[in-house]
Amino acid sequence: MFKKNDSIIGAGTQIVGNIIFSGSMLIDGHVRGNVTEIAQKRSTLILSERASIEGAVVVTHQIISGALISSPAVMA
């Protein structure tokens, strides 16, 4: 069972820039940038079916239902 999400990017939200987080993050909007966990903090990223990320993703655990347009790195 998952615990509650520590961070949420809601539907209709667009972020241009890199995100660094720990714990769990639910993305329901759109991110153009890299999504990375804090070093040595095992984290979980949940990407909903209507969400998208354009950039590199570096996390311990991923649950991907949306669009992941991955690249080595995006300069946002």
N, C-alpha and C. Protein backbone atom coordinates (compact mmCIF):
# COMPACT_ATOMS: atom_id res chain seq x y z
N MET A 1 0.83 -1.18 0.00
CA MET A 1 0.00 0.00 0.00
C MET A 1 0.87 1.24 0.00
N PHE A 2 0.51 2.22 -0.77
CA PHE A 2 1.26 3.47 -0.85
C PHE A 2 0.83 4.40 0.27
N LYS A 3 1.81 5.13 0.78
CA LYS A 3 1.47 6.20 1.71
C LYS A 3 1.00 7.39 0.90
N LYS A 4 0.53 8.42 1.57
CA LYS A 4 0.09 9.61 0.84
C LYS A 4 1.26 10.23 0.11
N ASN A 5 0.97 10.97 -0.93
CA ASN A 5 2.02 11.62 -1.72
C ASN A 5 2.55 12.84 -0.98
N ASP A 6 3.86 12.97 -0.94
CA ASP A 6 4.49 14.11 -0.30
C ASP A 6 4.34 15.37 -1.16
N SER A 7 4.33 15.20 -2.47
CA SER A 7 4.24 16.34 -3.40
C SER A 7 3.29 15.98 -4.53
N ILE A 8 2.52 16.97 -4.98
CA ILE A 8 1.57 16.76 -6.07
C ILE A 8 1.67 17.93 -7.05
N ILE A 9 1.76 17.60 -8.33
CA ILE A 9 1.66 18.60 -9.39
C ILE A 9 0.33 18.31 -10.06
N GLY A 10 -0.63 19.19 -9.83
CA GLY A 10 -2.01 18.96 -10.24
C GLY A 10 -2.25 19.08 -11.72
N ALA A 11 -3.41 18.54 -12.13
CA ALA A 11 -3.85 18.63 -13.53
C ALA A 11 -3.97 20.10 -13.90
N GLY A 12 -3.58 20.44 -15.11
CA GLY A 12 -3.64 21.81 -15.57
C GLY A 12 -2.41 22.63 -15.21
N THR A 13 -1.52 22.07 -14.41
CA THR A 13 -0.29 22.76 -14.03
C THR A 13 0.82 22.40 -15.01
N GLN A 14 1.58 23.40 -15.45
CA GLN A 14 2.72 23.18 -16.32
C GLN A 14 3.95 23.76 -15.64
N ILE A 15 4.98 22.96 -15.54
CA ILE A 15 6.23 23.41 -14.94
C ILE A 15 7.32 23.34 -15.99
N VAL A 16 8.08 24.43 -16.12
CA VAL A 16 9.25 24.45 -16.98
C VAL A 16 10.43 24.66 -16.04
N GLY A 17 11.19 23.60 -15.86
CA GLY A 17 12.32 23.63 -14.94
C GLY A 17 12.53 22.26 -14.33
N ASN A 18 13.65 22.07 -13.70
CA ASN A 18 13.98 20.79 -13.10
C ASN A 18 13.34 20.66 -11.73
N ILE A 19 12.98 19.43 -11.37
CA ILE A 19 12.40 19.14 -10.07
C ILE A 19 13.31 18.15 -9.36
N ILE A 20 13.64 18.46 -8.12
CA ILE A 20 14.40 17.55 -7.26
C ILE A 20 13.54 17.32 -6.03
N PHE A 21 13.25 16.05 -5.70
CA PHE A 21 12.33 15.77 -4.60
C PHE A 21 12.77 14.54 -3.82
N SER A 22 12.11 14.33 -2.68
CA SER A 22 12.28 13.09 -1.92
C SER A 22 10.91 12.62 -1.48
N GLY A 23 10.82 11.36 -1.11
CA GLY A 23 9.53 10.79 -0.72
C GLY A 23 8.77 10.31 -1.93
N SER A 24 7.53 10.73 -2.05
CA SER A 24 6.72 10.34 -3.21
C SER A 24 6.14 11.59 -3.86
N MET A 25 6.07 11.54 -5.18
CA MET A 25 5.52 12.66 -5.94
C MET A 25 4.55 12.13 -6.98
N LEU A 26 3.35 12.72 -7.01
CA LEU A 26 2.35 12.43 -8.03
C LEU A 26 2.35 13.59 -9.01
N ILE A 27 2.53 13.27 -10.30
CA ILE A 27 2.44 14.29 -11.34
C ILE A 27 1.18 14.01 -12.15
N ASP A 28 0.31 15.01 -12.16
CA ASP A 28 -0.95 14.92 -12.89
C ASP A 28 -0.99 15.99 -13.98
N GLY A 29 0.05 16.83 -14.04
CA GLY A 29 0.15 17.90 -15.03
C GLY A 29 1.27 17.62 -16.02
N HIS A 30 1.96 18.70 -16.43
CA HIS A 30 3.02 18.57 -17.44
C HIS A 30 4.31 19.19 -16.91
N VAL A 31 5.42 18.47 -17.07
CA VAL A 31 6.74 18.97 -16.67
C VAL A 31 7.66 18.95 -17.88
N ARG A 32 8.30 20.09 -18.15
CA ARG A 32 9.35 20.14 -19.17
C ARG A 32 10.64 20.43 -18.43
N GLY A 33 11.34 19.38 -18.10
CA GLY A 33 12.57 19.45 -17.32
C GLY A 33 12.86 18.09 -16.73
N ASN A 34 13.94 18.00 -16.01
CA ASN A 34 14.36 16.73 -15.42
C ASN A 34 13.71 16.54 -14.07
N VAL A 35 13.36 15.30 -13.76
CA VAL A 35 12.77 14.96 -12.46
C VAL A 35 13.72 13.97 -11.79
N THR A 36 14.26 14.39 -10.64
CA THR A 36 15.31 13.62 -9.98
C THR A 36 15.05 13.54 -8.49
N GLU A 37 15.34 12.37 -7.91
CA GLU A 37 15.25 12.26 -6.46
C GLU A 37 16.51 12.83 -5.82
N ILE A 38 16.37 13.28 -4.58
CA ILE A 38 17.54 13.76 -3.82
C ILE A 38 18.49 12.58 -3.65
N ALA A 39 19.77 12.82 -3.80
CA ALA A 39 20.78 11.76 -3.72
C ALA A 39 20.61 10.93 -2.45
N GLN A 40 20.61 9.64 -2.62
CA GLN A 40 20.54 8.64 -1.56
C GLN A 40 19.24 8.69 -0.76
N LYS A 41 18.19 9.25 -1.34
CA LYS A 41 16.85 9.22 -0.75
C LYS A 41 15.97 8.45 -1.71
N ARG A 42 15.72 7.19 -1.40
CA ARG A 42 14.90 6.35 -2.29
C ARG A 42 13.50 6.95 -2.39
N SER A 43 13.11 7.30 -3.61
CA SER A 43 11.85 8.00 -3.83
C SER A 43 11.00 7.31 -4.89
N THR A 44 9.72 7.70 -4.93
CA THR A 44 8.77 7.13 -5.87
C THR A 44 8.12 8.25 -6.68
N LEU A 45 8.09 8.07 -8.00
CA LEU A 45 7.41 9.00 -8.89
C LEU A 45 6.21 8.29 -9.49
N ILE A 46 5.04 8.94 -9.40
CA ILE A 46 3.82 8.42 -10.00
C ILE A 46 3.38 9.41 -11.07
N LEU A 47 3.31 8.94 -12.30
CA LEU A 47 2.90 9.77 -13.43
C LEU A 47 1.53 9.29 -13.89
N SER A 48 0.49 10.12 -13.71
CA SER A 48 -0.87 9.70 -14.04
C SER A 48 -1.05 9.58 -15.55
N GLU A 49 -2.16 8.99 -15.94
CA GLU A 49 -2.43 8.73 -17.36
C GLU A 49 -2.61 10.00 -18.17
N ARG A 50 -2.92 11.12 -17.56
CA ARG A 50 -3.09 12.37 -18.31
C ARG A 50 -1.90 13.31 -18.16
N ALA A 51 -0.83 12.83 -17.56
CA ALA A 51 0.36 13.65 -17.29
C ALA A 51 1.46 13.36 -18.30
N SER A 52 2.48 14.26 -18.31
CA SER A 52 3.63 14.02 -19.17
C SER A 52 4.88 14.69 -18.59
N ILE A 53 6.01 14.09 -18.92
CA ILE A 53 7.32 14.64 -18.56
C ILE A 53 8.16 14.65 -19.83
N GLU A 54 8.74 15.79 -20.13
CA GLU A 54 9.71 15.90 -21.23
C GLU A 54 11.06 16.15 -20.58
N GLY A 55 11.82 15.11 -20.39
CA GLY A 55 13.13 15.24 -19.75
C GLY A 55 13.59 13.93 -19.16
N ALA A 56 14.72 13.99 -18.51
CA ALA A 56 15.30 12.79 -17.88
C ALA A 56 14.62 12.55 -16.54
N VAL A 57 14.43 11.28 -16.21
CA VAL A 57 13.84 10.89 -14.93
C VAL A 57 14.81 9.97 -14.23
N VAL A 58 15.22 10.35 -13.01
CA VAL A 58 16.14 9.54 -12.22
C VAL A 58 15.54 9.37 -10.83
N VAL A 59 14.83 8.26 -10.63
CA VAL A 59 14.24 7.93 -9.34
C VAL A 59 14.35 6.44 -9.10
N THR A 60 14.25 6.04 -7.83
CA THR A 60 14.36 4.63 -7.48
C THR A 60 13.17 3.83 -7.99
N HIS A 61 11.95 4.38 -7.80
CA HIS A 61 10.73 3.68 -8.20
C HIS A 61 9.89 4.59 -9.09
N GLN A 62 9.31 3.99 -10.15
CA GLN A 62 8.47 4.75 -11.08
C GLN A 62 7.19 3.97 -11.36
N ILE A 63 6.08 4.69 -11.35
CA ILE A 63 4.81 4.13 -11.81
C ILE A 63 4.36 5.07 -12.92
N ILE A 64 4.48 4.61 -14.17
CA ILE A 64 4.27 5.47 -15.32
C ILE A 64 3.00 5.04 -16.05
N SER A 65 2.01 5.92 -16.06
CA SER A 65 0.79 5.67 -16.84
C SER A 65 0.65 6.70 -17.96
N GLY A 66 1.32 7.84 -17.83
CA GLY A 66 1.23 8.92 -18.81
C GLY A 66 2.36 8.86 -19.81
N ALA A 67 2.63 10.00 -20.43
CA ALA A 67 3.67 10.10 -21.47
C ALA A 67 5.01 10.52 -20.86
N LEU A 68 6.00 9.69 -21.05
CA LEU A 68 7.36 10.01 -20.62
C LEU A 68 8.20 10.17 -21.88
N ILE A 69 8.51 11.42 -22.20
CA ILE A 69 9.30 11.73 -23.38
C ILE A 69 10.71 11.99 -22.83
N SER A 70 11.45 10.92 -22.70
CA SER A 70 12.72 10.98 -21.99
C SER A 70 13.86 11.38 -22.91
N SER A 71 14.77 12.10 -22.33
CA SER A 71 15.99 12.50 -23.03
C SER A 71 17.12 12.48 -22.01
N PRO A 72 18.37 12.50 -22.46
CA PRO A 72 19.48 12.47 -21.50
C PRO A 72 19.37 13.58 -20.46
N ALA A 73 19.02 14.78 -20.88
CA ALA A 73 18.82 15.90 -19.97
C ALA A 73 18.18 17.04 -20.74
N VAL A 74 17.33 17.77 -20.07
CA VAL A 74 16.66 18.92 -20.68
C VAL A 74 17.09 20.15 -19.92
N MET A 75 17.56 21.14 -20.64
CA MET A 75 17.88 22.42 -20.01
C MET A 75 16.62 23.27 -20.07
N ALA A 76 15.98 23.45 -18.95
CA ALA A 76 14.71 24.17 -18.92
C ALA A 76 14.93 25.66 -18.72
